[in-house]
Protein backbone atom coordinates (compact mmCIF):
# COMPACT_ATOMS: atom_id res chain seq x y z
CA MET A 1 121.34 17.13 238.62
CA LYS A 2 124.78 18.65 238.29
CA THR A 3 127.23 18.06 235.46
CA LYS A 4 130.00 17.15 237.91
CA ASP A 5 127.86 14.32 239.34
CA LEU A 6 127.36 12.84 235.86
CA LEU A 7 131.08 13.12 235.09
CA ARG A 8 131.99 11.52 238.44
CA LEU A 9 129.76 8.51 237.76
CA ASN A 10 130.81 8.25 234.10
CA PRO A 11 134.55 9.01 233.96
CA ASP A 12 134.93 7.42 230.52
CA VAL A 13 132.21 9.59 228.92
CA ASN A 14 132.91 13.09 227.67
CA LYS A 15 130.59 16.11 227.91
CA LYS A 16 128.99 15.24 224.56
CA PRO A 17 128.11 11.54 224.63
CA ASP A 18 127.49 9.84 221.30
CA ALA A 19 123.99 8.56 220.58
CA ASN A 20 123.15 5.26 222.33
CA THR A 21 125.88 5.72 224.96
CA VAL A 22 124.77 4.16 228.27
CA ILE A 23 125.39 6.46 231.24
CA ILE A 24 124.73 6.18 234.97
CA ILE A 25 122.28 8.71 236.40
CA PRO A 26 122.32 9.61 240.14
CA ASN A 27 119.01 8.66 241.76
CA LYS A 28 118.46 10.35 245.11
CA LYS A 29 115.10 8.61 245.54
CA MET A 30 116.48 5.05 245.34
CA ILE A 31 114.86 2.74 247.94
CA LYS A 32 116.91 0.00 249.60
CA THR A 33 115.58 -3.57 249.08
CA ASN A 34 116.35 -7.10 250.35
CA LYS A 35 115.58 -8.67 246.97
CA LYS A 36 118.27 -11.05 245.70
CA VAL A 37 120.37 -9.93 242.76
CA SER A 38 119.43 -13.13 240.86
CA ASP A 39 115.72 -12.32 241.23
CA THR A 40 116.30 -8.81 239.94
CA VAL A 41 118.24 -10.11 236.91
CA ASN A 42 115.46 -12.61 236.03
CA GLU A 43 112.84 -9.86 236.28
CA GLU A 44 114.93 -7.57 234.09
CA LEU A 45 115.34 -10.31 231.45
CA THR A 46 111.58 -10.83 231.36
CA ASP A 47 110.98 -7.08 231.19
CA ASN A 48 113.51 -6.73 228.35
CA LEU A 49 111.72 -9.40 226.28
CA GLU A 50 108.44 -7.56 226.75
CA ILE A 51 110.08 -4.24 225.93
CA ASP A 52 111.57 -5.69 222.74
CA ASP A 53 108.09 -6.77 221.61
CA VAL A 54 106.72 -3.29 222.32
CA VAL A 55 109.62 -1.63 220.48
CA LYS A 56 109.08 -3.84 217.43
CA GLU A 57 105.37 -3.03 217.41
CA ASP A 58 106.02 0.71 217.81
CA THR A 59 108.58 0.61 214.98
CA LYS A 60 106.07 -1.05 212.66
CA LEU A 61 103.37 1.49 213.57
CA LEU A 62 105.80 4.35 212.92
CA GLU A 63 106.80 2.93 209.53
CA ASP A 64 103.13 2.58 208.56
CA LEU A 65 102.47 6.14 209.76
CA LYS A 66 105.31 7.53 207.64
CA LYS A 67 103.65 6.09 204.54
CA GLU A 68 100.69 8.44 205.00
CA PHE A 69 102.02 11.40 206.98
CA VAL A 70 105.04 13.62 207.41
CA VAL A 71 106.01 12.83 211.00
CA TYR A 72 108.28 14.62 213.46
CA GLU A 73 109.75 13.90 216.89
CA VAL A 74 109.41 16.90 219.20
CA LYS A 75 112.76 18.19 220.47
CA LYS A 76 113.72 20.52 223.27
CA GLY A 77 113.07 24.12 222.26
CA ASP A 78 110.38 23.30 219.69
CA THR A 79 107.32 25.54 219.72
CA PHE A 80 104.09 25.62 217.77
CA TYR A 81 105.47 28.69 216.03
CA SER A 82 108.68 26.95 214.89
CA LEU A 83 106.80 23.86 213.67
CA THR A 84 104.03 25.76 211.86
CA ARG A 85 106.51 28.09 210.18
CA PHE A 86 108.89 25.33 209.12
CA TYR A 87 106.21 23.00 207.73
CA ASN A 88 103.79 25.74 206.58
CA VAL A 89 100.83 24.33 208.53
CA SER A 90 98.57 25.91 211.14
CA GLN A 91 98.50 25.15 214.86
CA GLU A 92 94.85 24.13 214.45
CA ASP A 93 95.86 21.56 211.80
CA LEU A 94 98.50 20.08 214.10
CA ILE A 95 96.05 19.73 216.99
CA SER A 96 93.43 18.25 214.68
CA LEU A 97 95.88 15.50 213.62
CA ASN A 98 97.29 15.14 217.15
CA PRO A 99 94.56 15.86 219.76
CA GLU A 100 97.07 15.32 222.58
CA LEU A 101 98.77 18.56 221.52
CA SER A 102 95.89 20.50 223.07
CA GLU A 103 97.90 20.05 226.27
CA GLY A 104 101.04 21.43 224.62
CA LEU A 105 104.19 20.02 223.02
CA LYS A 106 106.20 17.45 224.98
CA VAL A 107 109.78 16.46 224.21
CA GLY A 108 109.98 13.01 222.64
CA GLN A 109 106.46 13.03 221.19
CA THR A 110 106.15 11.69 217.65
CA ILE A 111 103.49 13.76 215.92
CA LYS A 112 101.83 13.87 212.53
CA ILE A 113 102.58 17.10 210.66
CA LYS A 114 100.47 16.74 207.52
CA PRO A 115 99.30 14.08 205.05
CA ILE A 116 101.79 13.17 202.33
CA GLU A 117 100.33 14.59 199.12
CA ASN A 118 103.32 14.47 196.81
CA GLU A 119 105.59 11.55 196.03
CA GLY A 120 108.96 12.13 197.58
CA GLU A 121 107.63 14.43 200.31
CA THR A 122 109.58 13.51 203.41
CA GLU A 123 110.03 14.69 206.94
CA ASN A 124 112.33 17.68 207.25
CA ASN A 125 114.73 18.52 210.02
CA ILE A 126 114.46 21.69 212.05
CA TYR A 127 117.72 22.91 213.54
CA GLU A 128 117.50 22.87 217.32
CA ASP A 129 119.07 25.89 219.04
CA VAL A 130 121.42 24.53 221.71
CA ILE A 131 123.75 26.62 223.88
CA GLU A 132 126.84 25.00 225.38
CA GLU A 133 127.32 25.85 229.03
CA ASP A 134 129.90 28.57 229.82
CA LEU A 135 130.62 29.14 226.13
CA ALA A 136 132.30 32.29 224.81
CA LEU A 137 132.46 33.43 221.19
CA LYS A 138 134.79 35.85 219.47
CA VAL A 139 133.38 37.55 216.37
CA ALA A 140 134.78 39.97 213.78
CA LEU A 141 132.41 42.11 211.73
CA LEU A 142 133.87 43.60 208.53
CA LEU A 143 131.73 46.35 206.99
CA PRO A 144 132.45 49.37 204.71
CA PHE A 145 131.43 52.19 207.06
CA LYS A 146 133.83 54.56 205.21
CA ALA A 147 134.19 56.61 208.41
CA ASN A 148 137.17 58.58 207.09
CA GLU A 149 135.25 59.69 204.02
CA PHE A 150 132.13 60.69 205.99
CA ASP A 151 133.99 62.21 208.93
CA THR A 152 133.40 65.82 207.90
CA ILE A 153 129.84 65.37 206.54
CA GLN A 154 126.65 65.91 208.52
CA HIS A 155 124.86 62.63 209.19
CA GLN A 156 121.68 63.92 207.54
CA ASP A 157 123.61 64.42 204.30
CA ILE A 158 125.32 61.03 204.56
CA PHE A 159 122.11 59.02 204.78
CA SER A 160 120.18 61.11 202.27
CA LYS A 161 122.85 60.70 199.59
CA SER A 162 124.52 57.33 200.23
CA THR A 163 122.62 54.08 199.72
CA LEU A 164 125.68 52.16 200.96
CA ALA A 165 125.72 54.09 204.25
CA ASN A 166 122.10 53.15 204.88
CA ILE A 167 122.67 49.47 204.06
CA VAL A 168 125.80 49.15 206.22
CA THR A 169 124.36 51.03 209.19
CA ASP A 170 121.08 49.13 209.15
CA PHE A 171 122.86 45.77 208.84
CA TYR A 172 125.07 46.66 211.80
CA LEU A 173 122.12 47.79 213.94
CA GLY A 174 120.33 44.51 213.22
CA SER A 175 123.46 42.54 214.12
CA GLU A 176 123.69 44.51 217.34
CA ILE A 177 120.16 43.43 218.37
CA ALA A 178 121.09 39.78 217.64
CA ILE A 179 124.21 39.99 219.81
CA ASP A 180 122.27 41.68 222.64
CA SER A 181 119.70 38.88 222.49
CA LEU A 182 122.34 36.13 222.57
CA ARG A 183 124.19 37.77 225.47
CA LYS A 184 120.94 37.77 227.47
CA GLN A 185 120.81 34.01 226.91
CA GLY A 186 124.15 33.62 228.64
CA ILE A 187 126.55 33.59 225.68
CA VAL A 188 129.70 35.65 226.20
CA ILE A 189 130.42 37.45 222.92
CA ASP A 190 133.58 39.42 222.18
CA LEU A 191 132.76 41.55 219.11
CA THR A 192 135.28 43.55 217.09
CA VAL A 193 134.06 45.77 214.25
CA TYR A 194 136.40 46.74 211.39
CA ASP A 195 135.80 49.48 208.82
CA THR A 196 136.85 48.01 205.45
CA GLU A 197 136.36 51.38 203.71
CA LYS A 198 135.30 49.66 200.44
CA ASN A 199 138.97 49.19 199.67
CA SER A 200 140.83 45.91 199.01
CA THR A 201 144.06 47.53 200.23
CA LYS A 202 142.39 48.29 203.56
CA ILE A 203 141.17 44.66 203.75
CA ARG A 204 144.73 43.39 203.37
CA SER A 205 146.03 45.76 206.05
CA ILE A 206 143.29 44.61 208.47
CA ILE A 207 144.34 40.99 207.87
CA ASN A 208 148.06 41.78 208.26
CA GLU A 209 147.68 43.94 211.38
CA ASN A 210 145.15 41.80 213.28
CA ASP A 211 144.94 38.14 214.23
CA LEU A 212 141.54 37.45 212.65
CA ASN A 213 142.11 33.71 213.07
CA SER A 214 141.65 34.17 216.80
CA ASN A 215 137.93 34.68 216.06
CA ASP A 216 135.36 31.93 215.78
CA VAL A 217 133.84 33.55 212.69
CA VAL A 218 134.11 36.59 210.44
CA ILE A 219 130.90 38.19 209.16
CA GLY A 220 131.58 40.24 206.04
CA PRO A 221 132.95 41.88 203.95
CA LEU A 222 130.07 42.99 201.69
CA TYR A 223 131.97 42.81 198.39
CA SER A 224 132.60 39.47 196.71
CA GLU A 225 136.22 40.16 195.73
CA GLU A 226 137.03 41.24 199.30
CA ALA A 227 135.28 38.19 200.76
CA GLU A 228 137.50 35.95 198.63
CA ILE A 229 140.63 37.74 199.81
CA VAL A 230 139.64 37.23 203.46
CA ALA A 231 138.61 33.59 202.99
CA ASN A 232 141.87 32.73 201.22
CA LYS A 233 143.89 34.18 204.10
CA LEU A 234 142.00 32.74 207.09
CA LYS A 235 141.31 29.32 208.60
CA ILE A 236 137.91 30.19 210.09
CA PRO A 237 134.42 30.53 208.53
CA VAL A 238 133.81 33.72 206.53
CA VAL A 239 130.14 34.64 206.14
CA PHE A 240 129.17 36.51 202.98
CA PRO A 241 126.03 38.38 204.11
CA VAL A 242 124.58 39.73 200.83
CA TYR A 243 123.84 38.49 197.32
CA SER A 244 126.32 39.10 194.51
CA LYS A 245 126.14 37.88 190.92
CA ASN A 246 129.83 36.97 191.35
CA GLN A 247 129.24 34.66 194.32
CA SER A 248 128.78 31.66 191.99
CA LYS A 249 132.54 31.88 191.35
CA PHE A 250 133.45 31.41 195.03
CA SER A 251 135.65 28.38 195.63
CA SER A 252 137.00 28.63 199.18
CA SER A 253 135.58 26.08 201.64
CA LYS A 254 135.75 28.81 204.32
CA LEU A 255 133.04 30.87 202.60
CA ILE A 256 129.38 30.65 203.59
CA LYS A 257 126.87 32.16 201.16
CA THR A 258 123.75 33.34 203.00
CA SER A 259 121.81 34.29 199.83
CA PRO A 260 120.64 31.55 197.42
CA GLU A 261 121.82 31.53 193.81
CA LYS A 262 119.30 32.69 191.19
CA SER A 263 119.40 29.23 189.62
CA VAL A 264 117.99 27.87 192.89
CA PHE A 265 115.04 30.28 192.58
CA ARG A 266 114.24 28.84 189.14
CA LYS A 267 114.59 25.27 190.39
CA GLU A 268 112.27 25.98 193.32
CA LEU A 269 109.50 27.30 191.07
CA GLU A 270 110.03 24.47 188.59
CA THR A 271 109.59 21.90 191.37
CA TYR A 272 106.49 23.65 192.70
CA ILE A 273 104.82 23.66 189.26
CA LYS A 274 105.59 19.98 188.71
CA GLU A 275 104.07 19.10 192.07
CA ASN A 276 100.95 21.25 191.78
CA PHE A 277 99.96 21.69 188.11
CA ASN A 278 97.47 19.38 186.39
CA ASP A 279 94.77 19.54 183.73
CA GLY A 280 95.13 22.98 182.21
CA THR A 281 97.27 25.28 180.09
CA LEU A 282 100.84 26.22 180.90
CA ILE A 283 102.57 29.10 179.09
CA LEU A 284 106.15 30.41 179.35
CA VAL A 285 106.57 34.09 178.42
CA GLY A 286 110.06 35.22 177.40
CA ASP A 287 111.57 38.31 175.82
CA GLY A 288 113.15 36.64 172.76
CA ASN A 289 116.72 37.21 173.91
CA ALA A 290 119.23 34.35 173.92
CA THR A 291 119.21 33.92 177.72
CA SER A 292 115.42 33.87 177.93
CA ASN A 293 115.16 31.48 174.95
CA HIS A 294 117.61 29.08 176.60
CA VAL A 295 115.76 29.20 179.94
CA ASN A 296 112.44 28.54 178.19
CA THR A 297 113.81 25.59 176.23
CA VAL A 298 115.32 23.93 179.30
CA LEU A 299 112.27 24.68 181.47
CA LYS A 300 109.81 23.41 178.85
CA SER A 301 111.71 20.13 178.54
CA SER A 302 111.86 19.67 182.31
CA LEU A 303 108.18 20.49 182.90
CA GLU A 304 106.97 18.23 180.11
CA SER A 305 108.85 15.35 181.74
CA ALA A 306 106.32 15.48 184.60
CA ASP A 307 103.39 13.05 184.30
CA SER A 308 100.83 15.79 185.00
CA ILE A 309 102.08 18.12 182.23
CA SER A 310 101.58 17.09 178.61
CA LYS A 311 102.39 20.33 176.79
CA VAL A 312 104.07 23.65 177.57
CA HIS A 313 103.55 26.66 175.27
CA ILE A 314 106.17 29.36 174.72
CA LEU A 315 105.31 32.95 173.78
CA LYS A 316 107.77 35.69 172.87
CA PRO A 317 107.28 39.20 171.51
CA GLU A 318 106.99 40.30 167.92
CA ASN A 319 107.75 43.96 167.24
CA GLY A 320 108.44 44.48 170.95
CA TYR A 321 105.23 43.11 172.47
CA ILE A 322 102.93 40.08 172.68
CA GLU A 323 99.44 40.59 171.29
CA LYS A 324 96.57 39.78 173.61
CA GLU A 325 95.03 37.55 170.93
CA LYS A 326 98.04 35.24 171.19
CA PHE A 327 97.18 34.55 174.81
CA LEU A 328 93.49 34.06 174.00
CA LYS A 329 94.30 31.43 171.34
CA ILE A 330 96.07 29.28 173.93
CA LEU A 331 94.23 29.97 177.21
CA LYS A 332 91.22 27.76 177.99
CA THR A 333 87.90 28.91 179.41
CA ASN A 334 86.88 27.47 182.77
CA LYS A 335 90.23 25.69 183.07
CA LYS A 336 93.44 26.18 185.02
CA ASN A 337 95.72 28.62 183.14
CA TRP A 338 99.23 29.23 184.48
CA VAL A 339 101.59 31.77 182.90
CA VAL A 340 105.27 31.82 183.89
CA MET A 341 107.19 35.04 183.21
CA THR A 342 110.79 34.05 182.42
CA THR A 343 111.90 37.62 181.74
CA ASN A 344 112.39 40.76 183.83
CA ASP A 345 112.11 43.09 180.83
CA ASN A 346 110.02 46.04 182.03
CA VAL A 347 108.06 46.50 178.79
CA ILE A 348 107.35 42.81 178.15
CA VAL A 349 106.24 42.22 181.77
CA ALA A 350 103.97 45.28 181.88
CA ASP A 351 102.46 44.55 178.49
CA ALA A 352 101.78 40.87 179.29
CA ILE A 353 100.17 41.64 182.65
CA ASN A 354 97.95 44.35 181.15
CA SER A 355 96.72 41.76 178.64
CA LEU A 356 96.14 39.11 181.30
CA ILE A 357 94.14 41.30 183.70
CA SER A 358 91.63 42.18 180.97
CA LEU A 359 90.62 38.66 179.93
CA PRO A 360 86.95 37.58 179.66
CA ASP A 361 85.37 36.49 182.96
CA SER A 362 85.27 32.88 181.78
CA THR A 363 89.06 32.81 181.41
CA SER A 364 91.07 33.04 184.63
CA VAL A 365 94.85 33.08 184.84
CA LYS A 366 97.57 32.83 187.47
CA VAL A 367 100.97 34.43 186.83
CA PHE A 368 104.29 33.12 188.19
CA ALA A 369 107.84 34.50 188.26
CA PHE A 370 111.23 33.28 189.46
CA ASP A 371 111.41 36.30 191.75
CA LYS A 372 109.79 39.69 192.26
CA GLY A 373 112.34 41.69 190.30
CA LYS A 374 112.29 45.40 189.48
CA ALA A 375 109.94 44.84 186.55
CA PHE A 376 107.22 43.61 188.92
CA ASP A 377 107.91 46.37 191.45
CA ARG A 378 106.71 48.78 188.75
CA ILE A 379 103.35 47.01 188.48
CA ASN A 380 100.44 48.15 190.63
CA ASN A 381 99.91 45.66 193.47
CA GLN A 382 96.18 45.49 192.74
CA LYS A 383 96.99 44.20 189.26
CA LEU A 384 99.33 41.60 190.75
CA ALA A 385 96.62 40.50 193.17
CA LYS A 386 94.09 40.16 190.36
CA ILE A 387 96.27 37.58 188.60
CA GLY A 388 97.26 35.80 191.83
CA PHE A 389 100.89 36.74 191.25
CA THR A 390 103.11 34.01 192.72
CA TYR A 391 106.88 34.22 193.01
CA VAL A 392 109.95 32.82 194.75
CA SER A 393 111.56 34.87 197.52
CA ASP A 394 114.43 34.55 199.97
CA SER A 395 112.49 36.46 202.63
CA TYR A 396 109.02 36.29 204.15
CA VAL A 397 107.77 38.26 207.13
CA ASP A 398 104.78 37.19 209.19
CA GLU A 399 103.97 40.44 210.99
CA THR A 400 101.62 38.62 213.38
CA SER A 401 104.27 36.19 214.65
CA TYR A 402 105.69 36.47 218.16
CA THR A 403 109.30 36.46 216.92
CA THR A 404 108.68 39.31 214.49
CA LYS A 405 106.88 41.40 217.10
CA VAL A 406 109.66 40.95 219.67
CA PHE A 407 112.37 41.86 217.17
CA ASN A 408 110.44 44.94 215.99
CA GLN A 409 109.93 46.07 219.59
CA GLN A 410 113.58 45.56 220.51
CA TYR A 411 114.78 47.39 217.41
CA TYR A 412 112.35 50.29 217.86
CA LYS A 413 113.22 50.68 221.53
CA LYS A 414 116.93 50.94 220.75
CA ASN A 415 116.83 52.90 217.48
CA ASN A 416 113.51 54.78 217.55
CA ALA A 417 112.62 53.36 214.14
CA LEU A 418 111.23 50.15 212.69
CA PRO A 419 113.81 47.79 211.12
CA SER A 420 114.52 47.96 207.40
CA PHE A 421 115.13 44.99 205.11
CA TYR A 422 118.88 45.13 205.77
CA ALA A 423 118.44 45.57 209.52
CA THR A 424 116.37 42.40 209.62
CA LYS A 425 118.93 40.58 207.46
CA GLY A 426 121.66 41.74 209.83
CA PHE A 427 119.76 40.27 212.75
CA ASP A 428 118.84 37.00 211.02
CA ILE A 429 122.32 36.22 209.68
CA THR A 430 124.19 37.19 212.85
CA TYR A 431 121.77 35.40 215.17
CA ASP A 432 121.68 32.21 213.12
CA ILE A 433 125.45 31.90 212.68
CA LEU A 434 126.24 32.65 216.33
CA ILE A 435 123.51 30.45 217.85
CA ARG A 436 124.84 27.56 215.75
CA LEU A 437 128.38 28.23 216.97
CA ALA A 438 127.04 28.47 220.53
CA SER A 439 126.26 24.75 220.34
CA GLY A 440 130.00 24.12 220.59
CA GLU A 441 129.87 22.21 217.30
CA ASN A 442 131.76 22.93 214.10
CA LEU A 443 129.67 25.43 212.13
CA LYS A 444 129.46 23.27 208.99
CA SER A 445 128.40 20.23 210.99
CA THR A 446 125.38 22.17 212.28
CA PHE A 447 124.22 22.63 208.67
CA LYS A 448 123.59 18.88 208.53
CA GLU A 449 121.27 19.07 211.52
CA GLY A 450 118.48 20.92 209.76
CA ALA A 451 117.11 24.23 208.51
CA SER A 452 116.29 27.21 210.70
CA PHE A 453 113.83 30.08 210.46
CA ARG A 454 114.58 33.49 211.91
CA VAL A 455 112.56 36.71 211.57
CA GLU A 456 112.25 36.68 207.77
CA THR A 457 114.91 34.26 206.51
CA LYS A 458 115.11 30.51 206.09
CA PHE A 459 118.61 29.05 206.41
CA ASP A 460 118.84 25.66 204.73
CA TYR A 461 122.50 25.11 203.92
CA ASN A 462 123.90 22.34 201.75
CA ASN A 463 125.84 19.61 203.50
CA LYS A 464 129.11 19.84 201.59
CA LEU A 465 132.04 19.09 203.85
CA PHE A 466 134.39 20.65 201.32
CA GLY A 467 133.64 23.60 199.06
CA VAL A 468 131.47 26.66 199.56
CA SER A 469 128.47 26.31 201.89
CA GLU A 470 125.32 27.64 200.22
CA ASN A 471 121.98 28.63 201.71
CA ASN A 472 119.11 27.20 199.64
CA GLY A 473 116.30 28.41 201.91
CA LEU A 474 113.47 29.92 199.83
CA PHE A 475 109.73 30.67 200.05
CA ILE A 476 106.99 30.62 197.42
CA LEU A 477 104.58 33.52 198.00
CA GLU A 478 101.20 34.40 196.48
CA TYR A 479 99.35 37.72 196.35
CA ASN A 480 95.86 37.70 197.90
CA ASP A 481 92.95 39.91 196.87
CA ASP A 482 93.56 42.12 199.93
CA LEU A 483 97.23 42.59 198.83
CA SER A 484 98.53 40.42 201.67
CA LEU A 485 100.85 37.49 200.95
CA THR A 486 100.30 33.79 201.55
CA ARG A 487 103.23 31.44 201.86
CA LEU A 488 102.57 28.41 199.64
CA LYS A 489 105.85 26.65 200.40
């Protein structure tokens, strides 16, 4: 049917009806009848009573189902890929719980996702990509290309010597693929790119000389102090596309942080351990510095508050290292042994892992970390696999997924190279922000509608109406024996 027909029959209803609004639908197949109106009304009353009974019964069944399973109502645009990635289950598991899915997903179906294993595990919301008809977006991209500085330098020299040039260029190329993809879906996008030159004076001149408020969103700048300047001057959303240790000081409600705070990484691992650890030994390994000592004290107290954890041990170095015998005194044979590294000190991490990979066969251990920092990048991956190294990450790439393959193909075709980390981030951030705006809704209101997964990033923003919007989307990843990664959460 056509929009104009709906509007003609429902003049008091706008283009976005509220839930439960009753609207008249044109029915071209309506058959004329001689039945009296009174007869029709009586039949409808009887039907409504029967329908009410059915609805009550269905509601009770659904409530009972939610006690045992995470359930989900299939929405337009949902795919097996989006559901399996969001809930970390396989397509085979979904079909096993819902045999009717062998015929495919159907809008409106209520399906079982997985059994509820942990208290408090609830159904999550997946953001549904919706594009408003005939919608146009205006976007400003602020990046430090430093074109004036590089103008007289050969491009080979620029990219071999400047890390910033590589980051900025790759991010832009990824954003470009996102915009191309959205334009093919019918969204008109007016993009303006500004060179901020890594200069706060230049930022101010861009603001003064251009009407940035005429845009729907600004993506960038890359530096925290510049992002604050822009956000304090504008009335539109300002997306901060990278992580900065200074981002915790942001205060403007216009700012959107796409990278989770480090404290969220720690909280994510803490929650995972509480939900999954039982009957074994749990050790926290620090470096003896004040920050590490504080983290260990707080973490120990929190973990021991869980019913499944009775005691948490803390180890820290003496004379610069932790003796292997100290581990052996605490670790139990033929039991679950989990070791959490709460430090990124290169020496402490390397020394502890070398001790843990050479334990007797009867003593197995699994090592955790808040993130895979530089200290772990220095460790041979085979060593990490041997101890089942598990860590929190803000990115996870499934190379076998359809979305990843399409993005890689599009990027390679246009740039004759596979996308880097920053190119993928450029795509993910740009695509997610613009597809949300393409719904015609206020950007912050879309954050309340659920989390989204793109090529390698999960966007799960807080629902604060006022204050900075923060992405809390994280993964928990585990090394396998073959050096591949498994997503645990």
